[in-house]
Amino acid sequence: MMPGRLIVFEGVEGSGKTTQAAMLAQWLGQVGIPHRLTREPGGTDVAEQIRSVILHGDDITIETELLLVLAARAAHVRELIQPSLEAGQIVVCDRYELSTLAYQGVGRELGLERVRVLNDFATGGLHPDLTIVVDVPTAVGEARRARSRPSSDRIERAGDAFHHRVAEAYRLLASQEEAVELVDGTPAPAFVHEAVIRLLRARFSETFPSITG
């Protein structure tokens, strides 16, 4: 049995990360690689309930937001991600720990090191094999989001300065972390998907062989 791998897609609002996660999952199915597609916050019953509070709750402090995100992640890791990896599946996740570093650590200005410590407690030290940041300018992402979904949640309403800090945090972290790669998200989704597949094959040739599909 091939070892499971955790592949995460990250990016600002409207980056196309959710589309790319779905396209990768579809490709894995086509080439016969066992996989699980999931998202954060969410993925389990408890985590999905927490997601609703994070995105739509009232009077949530930034400290509460961080702890809610991590509570959802703790449930997600133990109930879905870890068992799927142990079963030899590729777990494709839409957001994971890099979101917390970028959004709460930098965007909310809670501090990267504090967030790292709390995140490691929530995950038990489970880090992605690869995090792919789908990189687009914040204005491009916001325009895409507005076209696809006119209403916005409380994170999306956090303001331009917040979202610029998040975008810069992603780029900084990608430059510092070995298991984080930037992929240009501005081309059409099919071209971004091709870049993702090339990246995965270069990183993990034993897991993602050169199969047409």
Protein backbone atom coordinates (compact mmCIF):
# COMPACT_ATOMS: atom_id res chain seq x y z
CA MET A 1 0.00 0.00 0.00
CA MET A 2 1.35 3.41 -0.97
CA PRO A 3 1.71 5.87 1.90
CA GLY A 4 -1.01 8.46 2.25
CA ARG A 5 -0.15 12.07 1.57
CA LEU A 6 -1.76 15.31 2.69
CA ILE A 7 -1.95 17.84 -0.14
CA VAL A 8 -3.37 21.24 0.78
CA PHE A 9 -4.57 24.12 -1.39
CA GLU A 10 -4.36 27.64 0.02
CA GLY A 11 -4.93 31.17 -1.17
CA VAL A 12 -6.79 34.42 -0.69
CA GLU A 13 -10.52 34.72 -1.24
CA GLY A 14 -11.34 34.04 -4.90
CA SER A 15 -7.91 32.58 -5.68
CA GLY A 16 -9.38 29.44 -7.23
CA LYS A 17 -8.01 27.08 -4.59
CA THR A 18 -11.36 25.32 -4.11
CA THR A 19 -11.65 24.76 -7.86
CA GLN A 20 -8.12 23.37 -7.98
CA ALA A 21 -8.73 21.03 -5.04
CA ALA A 22 -11.82 19.66 -6.79
CA MET A 23 -9.96 19.30 -10.11
CA LEU A 24 -7.12 17.41 -8.43
CA ALA A 25 -9.60 15.07 -6.71
CA GLN A 26 -11.31 14.43 -10.05
CA TRP A 27 -7.95 13.69 -11.69
CA LEU A 28 -6.96 11.30 -8.91
CA GLY A 29 -10.21 9.43 -9.46
CA GLN A 30 -9.57 9.23 -13.20
CA VAL A 31 -6.10 7.73 -12.74
CA GLY A 32 -7.23 5.37 -9.98
CA ILE A 33 -5.45 6.85 -6.97
CA PRO A 34 -7.44 6.45 -3.71
CA HIS A 35 -8.19 9.87 -2.28
CA ARG A 36 -10.37 11.98 -0.02
CA LEU A 37 -11.45 15.55 -0.74
CA THR A 38 -12.18 17.70 2.29
CA ARG A 39 -12.10 21.31 3.49
CA GLU A 40 -11.41 23.57 6.44
CA PRO A 41 -12.95 24.71 8.57
CA GLY A 42 -15.10 21.62 8.17
CA GLY A 43 -14.83 18.03 7.05
CA THR A 44 -16.65 16.49 10.02
CA ASP A 45 -20.02 17.17 11.62
CA VAL A 46 -18.55 19.07 14.55
CA ALA A 47 -16.11 21.01 12.38
CA GLU A 48 -18.87 22.02 9.94
CA GLN A 49 -20.92 23.40 12.83
CA ILE A 50 -17.89 25.37 14.01
CA ARG A 51 -17.38 26.64 10.43
CA SER A 52 -20.84 28.18 10.48
CA VAL A 53 -20.03 30.05 13.71
CA ILE A 54 -16.66 31.28 12.38
CA LEU A 55 -18.08 32.58 9.11
CA HIS A 56 -21.45 33.86 10.25
CA GLY A 57 -21.37 34.34 14.03
CA ASP A 58 -21.77 37.68 15.77
CA ASP A 59 -19.45 39.40 18.26
CA ILE A 60 -16.56 36.94 17.84
CA THR A 61 -13.23 38.20 19.12
CA ILE A 62 -10.09 37.44 17.15
CA GLU A 63 -8.85 35.15 19.94
CA THR A 64 -12.13 33.23 19.86
CA GLU A 65 -11.90 32.99 16.07
CA LEU A 66 -8.44 31.42 16.31
CA LEU A 67 -9.48 28.88 18.92
CA LEU A 68 -12.61 27.95 16.96
CA VAL A 69 -10.51 27.33 13.85
CA LEU A 70 -8.16 25.11 15.83
CA ALA A 71 -10.98 23.23 17.53
CA ALA A 72 -12.43 22.42 14.11
CA ARG A 73 -9.00 21.32 12.90
CA ALA A 74 -8.45 19.03 15.88
CA ALA A 75 -11.70 17.21 15.11
CA HIS A 76 -10.91 17.11 11.39
CA VAL A 77 -7.44 15.63 11.87
CA ARG A 78 -8.47 12.94 14.29
CA GLU A 79 -11.76 11.93 12.70
CA LEU A 80 -10.99 12.21 8.98
CA ILE A 81 -7.49 13.21 7.90
CA GLN A 82 -5.40 10.83 10.03
CA PRO A 83 -7.57 7.75 9.37
CA SER A 84 -7.57 8.49 5.63
CA LEU A 85 -3.78 8.82 5.56
CA GLU A 86 -3.39 5.60 7.52
CA ALA A 87 -5.58 3.89 4.91
CA GLY A 88 -3.13 4.99 2.21
CA GLN A 89 -5.31 7.68 0.67
CA ILE A 90 -4.27 11.02 -0.75
CA VAL A 91 -6.07 13.65 1.29
CA VAL A 92 -6.79 16.79 -0.73
CA CYS A 93 -7.70 19.58 1.65
CA ASP A 94 -9.06 23.04 0.86
CA ARG A 95 -7.22 25.10 3.54
CA TYR A 96 -5.28 23.84 6.56
CA GLU A 97 -2.62 25.27 8.87
CA LEU A 98 -1.15 27.86 6.48
CA SER A 99 -4.54 29.60 6.45
CA THR A 100 -4.34 29.99 10.21
CA LEU A 101 -0.84 31.41 10.05
CA ALA A 102 -1.83 33.83 7.29
CA TYR A 103 -5.32 34.84 8.44
CA GLN A 104 -5.08 34.75 12.22
CA GLY A 105 -1.32 34.97 12.76
CA VAL A 106 -0.67 37.83 10.32
CA GLY A 107 -4.05 39.11 9.13
CA ARG A 108 -5.47 39.34 12.67
CA GLU A 109 -1.99 40.17 13.99
CA LEU A 110 -2.02 37.48 16.69
CA GLY A 111 1.58 36.48 15.93
CA LEU A 112 3.01 33.62 13.89
CA GLU A 113 4.88 31.85 16.68
CA ARG A 114 1.92 31.87 19.06
CA VAL A 115 -0.31 30.46 16.32
CA ARG A 116 2.26 27.80 15.38
CA VAL A 117 2.39 26.48 18.95
CA LEU A 118 -1.39 26.28 19.27
CA ASN A 119 -1.74 24.75 15.83
CA ASP A 120 0.76 22.00 16.62
CA PHE A 121 -1.27 21.13 19.70
CA ALA A 122 -4.47 20.94 17.63
CA THR A 123 -2.94 18.81 14.87
CA GLY A 124 -0.69 16.64 17.00
CA GLY A 125 2.13 17.77 14.72
CA LEU A 126 0.52 16.55 11.50
CA HIS A 127 1.81 18.81 8.71
CA PRO A 128 1.01 18.65 4.98
CA ASP A 129 3.33 16.84 2.61
CA LEU A 130 2.80 19.79 0.29
CA THR A 131 0.86 23.05 0.49
CA ILE A 132 0.07 24.70 -2.84
CA VAL A 133 -0.69 28.41 -2.61
CA VAL A 134 -2.79 29.48 -5.58
CA ASP A 135 -1.44 32.99 -5.93
CA VAL A 136 -3.52 35.88 -7.34
CA PRO A 137 -3.60 39.62 -6.59
CA THR A 138 -6.17 40.40 -3.92
CA ALA A 139 -8.15 42.59 -6.36
CA VAL A 140 -8.42 39.69 -8.81
CA GLY A 141 -9.56 37.35 -6.06
CA GLU A 142 -12.18 39.78 -4.78
CA ALA A 143 -13.56 40.35 -8.28
CA ARG A 144 -13.87 36.61 -8.81
CA ARG A 145 -15.54 36.11 -5.44
CA ALA A 146 -18.03 38.90 -6.09
CA ARG A 147 -18.98 37.40 -9.45
CA SER A 148 -19.52 33.92 -8.05
CA ARG A 149 -21.13 34.90 -4.74
CA PRO A 150 -22.38 38.46 -4.18
CA SER A 151 -22.87 38.02 -0.42
CA SER A 152 -19.85 37.84 1.89
CA ASP A 153 -19.04 36.21 5.24
CA ARG A 154 -17.41 37.88 8.25
CA ILE A 155 -13.88 36.93 7.14
CA GLU A 156 -14.44 38.33 3.66
CA ARG A 157 -15.74 41.56 5.22
CA ALA A 158 -12.58 42.08 7.29
CA GLY A 159 -11.32 44.90 5.04
CA ASP A 160 -8.70 45.57 2.39
CA ALA A 161 -5.79 46.02 4.78
CA PHE A 162 -6.51 42.66 6.40
CA HIS A 163 -6.67 40.86 3.06
CA HIS A 164 -3.47 42.49 1.81
CA ARG A 165 -1.69 41.31 4.97
CA VAL A 166 -3.01 37.80 4.33
CA ALA A 167 -1.80 37.80 0.72
CA GLU A 168 1.66 39.00 1.73
CA ALA A 169 1.80 36.42 4.50
CA TYR A 170 1.15 33.63 2.01
CA ARG A 171 3.98 34.81 -0.21
CA LEU A 172 6.36 35.20 2.72
CA LEU A 173 5.55 31.76 4.10
CA ALA A 174 5.94 30.19 0.66
CA SER A 175 9.44 31.68 0.45
CA GLN A 176 10.38 30.32 3.87
CA GLU A 177 8.74 26.89 4.06
CA GLU A 178 10.20 23.96 2.13
CA ALA A 179 6.85 22.18 1.78
CA VAL A 180 5.01 25.25 0.43
CA GLU A 181 4.88 26.15 -3.28
CA LEU A 182 3.34 29.12 -5.08
CA VAL A 183 1.39 28.44 -8.28
CA ASP A 184 0.18 31.30 -10.46
CA GLY A 185 -3.61 31.31 -10.18
CA THR A 186 -4.32 33.96 -12.82
CA PRO A 187 -4.54 31.70 -15.92
CA ALA A 188 -7.62 29.63 -16.76
CA PRO A 189 -8.29 26.80 -14.26
CA ALA A 190 -7.19 24.08 -16.72
CA PHE A 191 -3.74 25.66 -17.06
CA VAL A 192 -3.40 26.03 -13.28
CA HIS A 193 -4.40 22.36 -12.88
CA GLU A 194 -1.68 21.31 -15.33
CA ALA A 195 0.87 23.26 -13.30
CA VAL A 196 -0.34 21.53 -10.13
CA ILE A 197 0.05 18.07 -11.69
CA ARG A 198 3.57 18.90 -12.90
CA LEU A 199 4.46 20.06 -9.40
CA LEU A 200 3.10 16.93 -7.74
CA ARG A 201 4.92 14.65 -10.17
CA ALA A 202 8.18 16.52 -9.60
CA ARG A 203 7.80 16.29 -5.82
CA PHE A 204 6.33 12.79 -5.47
CA SER A 205 7.09 10.76 -8.60
CA GLU A 206 6.41 7.49 -6.80
CA THR A 207 2.90 8.60 -5.81
CA PHE A 208 1.92 10.61 -8.91
CA PRO A 209 3.36 8.76 -11.91
CA SER A 210 3.25 10.15 -15.43
CA ILE A 211 -0.23 8.90 -16.23
CA THR A 212 -2.24 10.63 -18.89
CA GLY A 213 -5.49 11.92 -17.45
